[in-house]
Each structure stands twice: as structure tokens, then as C-alpha cells.
Amino acid sequence: MRKYYLFIINKDYKSIYSSNSNTLYQMLYNLYKLSFDDLRIGFSIYNQICKTFNKKILMNYFKEKYNLKKKKDKIYLVNNKERIIIKINYSCVVIYTNVNIPKILKILYLYSKDIFIADFNNEDYFWLTKKTLK
């Protein structure tokens, strides 16, 4: 099962890191691993690099578009062979999936063209583009 973290990157940072994704990944990984004592610094760095998701809009869209099961803050989708759990936070969207590129990413690409995806467990990362969705 893959665990993807999706971040909306500010346009200024996207232009800087679009060709140097490894550095962006390392910054986000360091934020992911921050200790509780360093959270204040982490919030400051996050707010410079990333934009927040509109949780209400995304939840309503998924509710209307799909026949979904919702438990607490998680959405459960089952399509053919795909099993997906989505947790929408303001800071990032977390997707648990049994496939490498879940179809749900197409909707998130429509939501924002500035999404960077990181799988910290597998040290994998990429920009969400039309090319990655094919």
C-alpha cells in the first residue's frame, strides 16, 4: 500500500524547484520528520513553501461525485481494483492506495496544477502533471 502526501506548492517555489525536485522533497521530508519542539519553525517554513487545501470544497466535491463512505476525516473509495483512502487536511492531502498512480489524482490535478507528491516511506516523489496521469 502506497502512502502519498500531496502538497500545493507556491508558484514562486514551484518555478525554483520544478527542475530540482530532490531539494524540495528533502525540505518536505525534514518538515515531516520535525520534532514537536521545532513545530514553530516548521510552520513558518511550510507557510513559505506551500499553500493550503480548501478542505470544505474537496470534501463536498468527493461527496457529490462519488458514492463514498466517510468515517471521521477519511474518505473510502473502491473502484474496480483500486482501493483508496483519502484524508484531506488543510496542510496536505494524504492518499493511501494499492496502485502506483490512482485515478483520483486527475481530480486533484484539476483542483491545482501546483501539486507535489511525496511518498516518504518509499523515498519517491514527483510533480502531478498530465504526463504522470497517463
N, C-alpha and C. Protein backbone atom coordinates (compact mmCIF):
# COMPACT_ATOMS: atom_id res chain seq x y z
N MET A 1 0.85 -1.18 0.00
CA MET A 1 0.00 0.00 0.00
C MET A 1 0.89 1.24 0.00
N ARG A 2 0.63 2.14 -0.92
CA ARG A 2 1.39 3.40 -1.01
C ARG A 2 0.72 4.45 -0.14
N LYS A 3 1.52 5.34 0.40
CA LYS A 3 1.00 6.46 1.18
C LYS A 3 1.59 7.74 0.60
N TYR A 4 0.75 8.46 -0.14
CA TYR A 4 1.17 9.69 -0.80
C TYR A 4 0.75 10.92 0.01
N TYR A 5 1.66 11.87 0.10
CA TYR A 5 1.35 13.17 0.68
C TYR A 5 1.34 14.16 -0.47
N LEU A 6 0.26 14.91 -0.62
CA LEU A 6 0.12 15.88 -1.68
C LEU A 6 0.19 17.28 -1.09
N PHE A 7 1.05 18.10 -1.65
CA PHE A 7 1.23 19.47 -1.20
C PHE A 7 1.00 20.42 -2.37
N ILE A 8 0.35 21.54 -2.11
CA ILE A 8 0.25 22.60 -3.12
C ILE A 8 1.43 23.53 -2.88
N ILE A 9 2.29 23.65 -3.88
CA ILE A 9 3.49 24.45 -3.75
C ILE A 9 3.22 25.86 -4.29
N ASN A 10 3.66 26.87 -3.55
CA ASN A 10 3.53 28.25 -4.01
C ASN A 10 4.20 28.40 -5.38
N LYS A 11 3.63 29.23 -6.22
CA LYS A 11 4.13 29.37 -7.59
C LYS A 11 5.60 29.80 -7.64
N ASP A 12 6.02 30.68 -6.74
CA ASP A 12 7.42 31.10 -6.73
C ASP A 12 8.35 29.92 -6.45
N TYR A 13 7.98 29.10 -5.49
CA TYR A 13 8.79 27.93 -5.16
C TYR A 13 8.70 26.87 -6.25
N LYS A 14 7.55 26.78 -6.89
CA LYS A 14 7.43 25.82 -7.98
C LYS A 14 8.39 26.17 -9.11
N SER A 15 8.48 27.44 -9.43
CA SER A 15 9.39 27.82 -10.52
C SER A 15 10.84 27.55 -10.13
N ILE A 16 11.18 27.67 -8.87
CA ILE A 16 12.54 27.41 -8.41
C ILE A 16 12.83 25.91 -8.39
N TYR A 17 11.88 25.11 -7.89
CA TYR A 17 12.14 23.69 -7.64
C TYR A 17 11.56 22.73 -8.67
N SER A 18 10.95 23.24 -9.72
CA SER A 18 10.39 22.33 -10.72
C SER A 18 11.47 21.50 -11.39
N SER A 19 12.66 22.06 -11.52
CA SER A 19 13.75 21.30 -12.12
C SER A 19 14.69 20.71 -11.07
N ASN A 20 14.40 20.96 -9.80
CA ASN A 20 15.22 20.43 -8.72
C ASN A 20 14.31 19.84 -7.65
N SER A 21 13.55 18.83 -8.03
CA SER A 21 12.55 18.23 -7.15
C SER A 21 13.16 17.57 -5.93
N ASN A 22 14.38 17.09 -6.04
CA ASN A 22 15.02 16.41 -4.92
C ASN A 22 15.18 17.34 -3.73
N THR A 23 15.56 18.59 -3.97
CA THR A 23 15.73 19.56 -2.88
C THR A 23 14.38 19.85 -2.23
N LEU A 24 13.34 20.02 -3.03
CA LEU A 24 12.01 20.24 -2.48
C LEU A 24 11.57 19.04 -1.65
N TYR A 25 11.79 17.84 -2.17
CA TYR A 25 11.45 16.63 -1.42
C TYR A 25 12.18 16.60 -0.07
N GLN A 26 13.45 16.93 -0.07
CA GLN A 26 14.24 16.91 1.17
C GLN A 26 13.70 17.93 2.18
N MET A 27 13.29 19.10 1.71
CA MET A 27 12.71 20.10 2.62
C MET A 27 11.41 19.59 3.23
N LEU A 28 10.54 19.02 2.38
CA LEU A 28 9.27 18.49 2.88
C LEU A 28 9.49 17.30 3.81
N TYR A 29 10.46 16.47 3.49
CA TYR A 29 10.79 15.33 4.35
C TYR A 29 11.26 15.81 5.72
N ASN A 30 12.09 16.85 5.74
CA ASN A 30 12.55 17.40 7.01
C ASN A 30 11.39 17.97 7.82
N LEU A 31 10.43 18.60 7.16
CA LEU A 31 9.23 19.07 7.85
C LEU A 31 8.43 17.90 8.41
N TYR A 32 8.33 16.84 7.63
CA TYR A 32 7.60 15.63 8.02
C TYR A 32 8.22 15.01 9.28
N LYS A 33 9.52 15.06 9.39
CA LYS A 33 10.23 14.44 10.50
C LYS A 33 10.50 15.37 11.68
N LEU A 34 10.00 16.60 11.65
CA LEU A 34 10.27 17.56 12.71
C LEU A 34 9.80 17.08 14.06
N SER A 35 10.55 17.43 15.07
CA SER A 35 10.14 17.11 16.44
C SER A 35 9.11 18.15 16.89
N PHE A 36 8.41 17.83 17.94
CA PHE A 36 7.38 18.71 18.48
C PHE A 36 7.97 20.06 18.88
N ASP A 37 9.18 20.06 19.39
CA ASP A 37 9.82 21.29 19.84
C ASP A 37 10.11 22.26 18.69
N ASP A 38 10.23 21.76 17.49
CA ASP A 38 10.58 22.59 16.33
C ASP A 38 9.37 22.95 15.47
N LEU A 39 8.16 22.70 15.95
CA LEU A 39 6.97 22.94 15.14
C LEU A 39 6.81 24.40 14.72
N ARG A 40 7.16 25.33 15.56
CA ARG A 40 7.01 26.75 15.22
C ARG A 40 7.83 27.09 13.99
N ILE A 41 9.06 26.62 13.95
CA ILE A 41 9.91 26.84 12.79
C ILE A 41 9.33 26.12 11.57
N GLY A 42 8.83 24.91 11.79
CA GLY A 42 8.23 24.12 10.70
C GLY A 42 7.04 24.82 10.08
N PHE A 43 6.17 25.41 10.89
CA PHE A 43 5.02 26.13 10.36
C PHE A 43 5.46 27.31 9.50
N SER A 44 6.49 27.99 9.96
CA SER A 44 7.00 29.14 9.20
C SER A 44 7.53 28.70 7.84
N ILE A 45 8.30 27.63 7.82
CA ILE A 45 8.85 27.11 6.55
C ILE A 45 7.73 26.60 5.66
N TYR A 46 6.79 25.84 6.24
CA TYR A 46 5.66 25.33 5.47
C TYR A 46 4.89 26.48 4.80
N ASN A 47 4.60 27.53 5.55
CA ASN A 47 3.82 28.66 5.02
C ASN A 47 4.53 29.40 3.90
N GLN A 48 5.86 29.32 3.87
CA GLN A 48 6.61 29.93 2.77
C GLN A 48 6.53 29.08 1.51
N ILE A 49 6.61 27.76 1.67
CA ILE A 49 6.69 26.84 0.53
C ILE A 49 5.32 26.45 -0.02
N CYS A 50 4.37 26.21 0.87
CA CYS A 50 3.10 25.58 0.48
C CYS A 50 1.90 26.50 0.67
N LYS A 51 0.85 26.15 -0.04
CA LYS A 51 -0.47 26.75 0.14
C LYS A 51 -1.37 25.68 0.75
N THR A 52 -2.45 26.11 1.37
CA THR A 52 -3.37 25.16 1.99
C THR A 52 -4.43 24.70 1.02
N PHE A 53 -4.99 23.53 1.30
CA PHE A 53 -6.12 23.00 0.55
C PHE A 53 -7.40 23.56 1.14
N ASN A 54 -8.41 23.72 0.30
CA ASN A 54 -9.73 24.09 0.77
C ASN A 54 -10.47 22.79 1.08
N LYS A 55 -10.40 22.41 2.32
CA LYS A 55 -10.94 21.12 2.77
C LYS A 55 -12.44 20.99 2.49
N LYS A 56 -13.18 22.04 2.72
CA LYS A 56 -14.63 22.01 2.54
C LYS A 56 -15.00 21.76 1.07
N ILE A 57 -14.34 22.46 0.16
CA ILE A 57 -14.63 22.29 -1.28
C ILE A 57 -14.31 20.86 -1.72
N LEU A 58 -13.16 20.36 -1.33
CA LEU A 58 -12.78 18.99 -1.73
C LEU A 58 -13.71 17.94 -1.14
N MET A 59 -14.05 18.07 0.13
CA MET A 59 -14.97 17.11 0.75
C MET A 59 -16.33 17.11 0.06
N ASN A 60 -16.85 18.30 -0.21
CA ASN A 60 -18.15 18.40 -0.90
C ASN A 60 -18.08 17.81 -2.30
N TYR A 61 -16.99 18.07 -3.01
CA TYR A 61 -16.85 17.53 -4.36
C TYR A 61 -16.86 16.00 -4.34
N PHE A 62 -16.04 15.43 -3.49
CA PHE A 62 -15.98 13.96 -3.41
C PHE A 62 -17.32 13.38 -2.97
N LYS A 63 -18.00 14.07 -2.11
CA LYS A 63 -19.31 13.61 -1.63
C LYS A 63 -20.32 13.57 -2.77
N GLU A 64 -20.31 14.59 -3.62
CA GLU A 64 -21.24 14.67 -4.74
C GLU A 64 -20.85 13.76 -5.89
N LYS A 65 -19.59 13.66 -6.17
CA LYS A 65 -19.09 12.94 -7.34
C LYS A 65 -19.12 11.42 -7.17
N TYR A 66 -18.79 10.97 -5.98
CA TYR A 66 -18.63 9.53 -5.76
C TYR A 66 -19.60 9.03 -4.70
N ASN A 67 -19.86 7.76 -4.81
CA ASN A 67 -20.61 7.09 -3.74
C ASN A 67 -19.56 6.70 -2.71
N LEU A 68 -19.39 7.54 -1.73
CA LEU A 68 -18.29 7.32 -0.82
C LEU A 68 -18.74 6.98 0.58
N LYS A 69 -17.84 6.33 1.27
CA LYS A 69 -18.03 6.05 2.67
C LYS A 69 -17.10 6.96 3.43
N LYS A 70 -17.64 7.64 4.42
CA LYS A 70 -16.83 8.55 5.20
C LYS A 70 -16.85 8.12 6.65
N LYS A 71 -15.67 7.96 7.21
CA LYS A 71 -15.53 7.67 8.63
C LYS A 71 -14.58 8.68 9.21
N LYS A 72 -15.07 9.44 10.16
CA LYS A 72 -14.30 10.54 10.75
C LYS A 72 -13.83 11.47 9.64
N ASP A 73 -12.53 11.63 9.49
CA ASP A 73 -12.00 12.55 8.48
C ASP A 73 -11.50 11.83 7.24
N LYS A 74 -11.78 10.55 7.10
CA LYS A 74 -11.26 9.79 5.97
C LYS A 74 -12.38 9.42 5.01
N ILE A 75 -12.03 9.42 3.73
CA ILE A 75 -12.96 9.03 2.67
C ILE A 75 -12.46 7.71 2.09
N TYR A 76 -13.36 6.78 1.91
CA TYR A 76 -13.01 5.46 1.37
C TYR A 76 -13.63 5.31 -0.01
N LEU A 77 -12.79 5.04 -1.00
CA LEU A 77 -13.26 4.83 -2.37
C LEU A 77 -12.79 3.47 -2.86
N VAL A 78 -13.69 2.76 -3.50
CA VAL A 78 -13.34 1.49 -4.11
C VAL A 78 -13.83 1.52 -5.55
N ASN A 79 -12.89 1.51 -6.49
CA ASN A 79 -13.20 1.49 -7.92
C ASN A 79 -12.49 0.31 -8.54
N ASN A 80 -13.24 -0.61 -9.09
CA ASN A 80 -12.65 -1.79 -9.72
C ASN A 80 -11.57 -2.40 -8.83
N LYS A 81 -10.31 -2.27 -9.23
CA LYS A 81 -9.22 -2.85 -8.45
C LYS A 81 -8.53 -1.84 -7.55
N GLU A 82 -8.95 -0.60 -7.61
CA GLU A 82 -8.35 0.44 -6.77
C GLU A 82 -9.05 0.52 -5.42
N ARG A 83 -8.24 0.55 -4.40
CA ARG A 83 -8.75 0.83 -3.05
C ARG A 83 -8.01 2.07 -2.57
N ILE A 84 -8.79 3.07 -2.19
CA ILE A 84 -8.18 4.36 -1.86
C ILE A 84 -8.81 4.89 -0.56
N ILE A 85 -7.94 5.38 0.29
CA ILE A 85 -8.37 6.10 1.48
C ILE A 85 -7.78 7.50 1.36
N ILE A 86 -8.63 8.51 1.51
CA ILE A 86 -8.18 9.89 1.38
C ILE A 86 -8.42 10.61 2.69
N LYS A 87 -7.40 11.27 3.17
CA LYS A 87 -7.54 12.13 4.34
C LYS A 87 -7.19 13.55 3.90
N ILE A 88 -8.17 14.42 3.93
CA ILE A 88 -7.97 15.80 3.48
C ILE A 88 -7.69 16.68 4.69
N ASN A 89 -6.50 17.21 4.72
CA ASN A 89 -6.09 18.17 5.73
C ASN A 89 -5.93 19.52 5.05
N TYR A 90 -5.85 20.57 5.82
CA TYR A 90 -5.58 21.87 5.22
C TYR A 90 -4.15 21.94 4.70
N SER A 91 -3.23 21.30 5.39
CA SER A 91 -1.82 21.37 5.03
C SER A 91 -1.46 20.46 3.86
N CYS A 92 -2.11 19.31 3.78
CA CYS A 92 -1.82 18.35 2.71
C CYS A 92 -2.97 17.36 2.60
N VAL A 93 -2.97 16.64 1.50
CA VAL A 93 -3.91 15.53 1.32
C VAL A 93 -3.08 14.26 1.40
N VAL A 94 -3.55 13.30 2.18
CA VAL A 94 -2.86 12.02 2.30
C VAL A 94 -3.72 10.96 1.61
N ILE A 95 -3.09 10.23 0.70
CA ILE A 95 -3.79 9.18 -0.04
C ILE A 95 -3.10 7.85 0.22
N TYR A 96 -3.87 6.90 0.72
CA TYR A 96 -3.41 5.52 0.85
C TYR A 96 -4.01 4.76 -0.33
N THR A 97 -3.19 4.03 -1.06
CA THR A 97 -3.69 3.36 -2.25
C THR A 97 -2.92 2.08 -2.53
N ASN A 98 -3.57 1.16 -3.21
CA ASN A 98 -2.93 -0.09 -3.59
C ASN A 98 -2.37 -0.04 -5.01
N VAL A 99 -2.46 1.12 -5.68
CA VAL A 99 -1.92 1.28 -7.03
C VAL A 99 -0.89 2.42 -7.03
N ASN A 100 -0.03 2.44 -8.04
CA ASN A 100 1.01 3.47 -8.09
C ASN A 100 0.46 4.85 -8.42
N ILE A 101 -0.41 4.93 -9.41
CA ILE A 101 -1.00 6.22 -9.80
C ILE A 101 -2.52 6.09 -9.76
N PRO A 102 -3.14 6.43 -8.63
CA PRO A 102 -4.60 6.30 -8.54
C PRO A 102 -5.31 7.32 -9.43
N LYS A 103 -6.45 6.92 -9.95
CA LYS A 103 -7.22 7.79 -10.86
C LYS A 103 -7.71 9.06 -10.18
N ILE A 104 -7.82 9.03 -8.88
CA ILE A 104 -8.30 10.19 -8.13
C ILE A 104 -7.37 11.40 -8.29
N LEU A 105 -6.13 11.14 -8.69
CA LEU A 105 -5.18 12.23 -8.89
C LEU A 105 -5.61 13.16 -10.01
N LYS A 106 -6.40 12.66 -10.96
CA LYS A 106 -6.89 13.51 -12.05
C LYS A 106 -7.76 14.64 -11.50
N ILE A 107 -8.57 14.33 -10.52
CA ILE A 107 -9.43 15.35 -9.92
C ILE A 107 -8.58 16.37 -9.17
N LEU A 108 -7.59 15.89 -8.47
CA LEU A 108 -6.74 16.81 -7.73
C LEU A 108 -5.88 17.66 -8.67
N TYR A 109 -5.56 17.14 -9.83
CA TYR A 109 -4.84 17.93 -10.84
C TYR A 109 -5.73 19.06 -11.35
N LEU A 110 -7.01 18.80 -11.50
CA LEU A 110 -7.95 19.85 -11.90
C LEU A 110 -8.09 20.91 -10.80
N TYR A 111 -7.98 20.47 -9.56
CA TYR A 111 -8.07 21.39 -8.43
C TYR A 111 -6.88 22.34 -8.39
N SER A 112 -5.68 21.81 -8.64
CA SER A 112 -4.47 22.65 -8.65
C SER A 112 -3.41 22.02 -9.55
N LYS A 113 -2.76 22.86 -10.31
CA LYS A 113 -1.67 22.40 -11.20
C LYS A 113 -0.31 22.47 -10.49
N ASP A 114 -0.31 22.84 -9.22
CA ASP A 114 0.93 23.06 -8.47
C ASP A 114 1.13 22.02 -7.36
N ILE A 115 0.70 20.80 -7.61
CA ILE A 115 0.77 19.76 -6.58
C ILE A 115 2.05 18.94 -6.72
N PHE A 116 2.71 18.78 -5.59
CA PHE A 116 3.90 17.94 -5.48
C PHE A 116 3.53 16.76 -4.60
N ILE A 117 3.90 15.56 -5.03
CA ILE A 117 3.52 14.34 -4.32
C ILE A 117 4.77 13.68 -3.78
N ALA A 118 4.70 13.29 -2.51
CA ALA A 118 5.82 12.61 -1.86
C ALA A 118 5.33 11.35 -1.17
N ASP A 119 6.07 10.28 -1.36
CA ASP A 119 5.86 9.03 -0.63
C ASP A 119 7.10 8.86 0.24
N PHE A 120 7.03 9.32 1.48
CA PHE A 120 8.20 9.33 2.35
C PHE A 120 8.67 7.92 2.72
N ASN A 121 7.75 6.98 2.78
CA ASN A 121 8.13 5.60 3.12
C ASN A 121 8.98 4.95 2.04
N ASN A 122 8.70 5.25 0.78
CA ASN A 122 9.42 4.65 -0.34
C ASN A 122 10.42 5.62 -0.99
N GLU A 123 10.59 6.80 -0.38
CA GLU A 123 11.50 7.81 -0.90
C GLU A 123 11.24 8.11 -2.38
N ASP A 124 9.97 8.31 -2.68
CA ASP A 124 9.52 8.57 -4.04
C ASP A 124 8.83 9.92 -4.06
N TYR A 125 8.97 10.66 -5.14
CA TYR A 125 8.35 11.98 -5.24
C TYR A 125 8.23 12.38 -6.71
N PHE A 126 7.23 13.22 -7.00
CA PHE A 126 7.03 13.70 -8.36
C PHE A 126 6.02 14.83 -8.37
N TRP A 127 6.06 15.62 -9.43
CA TRP A 127 5.07 16.66 -9.65
C TRP A 127 3.85 16.02 -10.30
N LEU A 128 2.68 16.45 -9.93
CA LEU A 128 1.46 15.97 -10.57
C LEU A 128 1.28 16.76 -11.86
N THR A 129 1.41 16.05 -12.98
CA THR A 129 1.29 16.67 -14.30
C THR A 129 0.40 15.77 -15.17
N LYS A 130 0.04 16.27 -16.34
CA LYS A 130 -0.72 15.45 -17.29
C LYS A 130 0.07 14.20 -17.65
N LYS A 131 1.37 14.36 -17.75
CA LYS A 131 2.22 13.23 -18.12
C LYS A 131 2.19 12.10 -17.08
N THR A 132 2.17 12.46 -15.80
CA THR A 132 2.12 11.42 -14.75
C THR A 132 0.78 10.73 -14.69
N LEU A 133 -0.26 11.36 -15.22
CA LEU A 133 -1.60 10.79 -15.16
C LEU A 133 -1.89 9.83 -16.30
N LYS A 134 -1.01 9.76 -17.30
CA LYS A 134 -1.26 8.88 -18.46
C LYS A 134 -0.91 7.45 -18.15
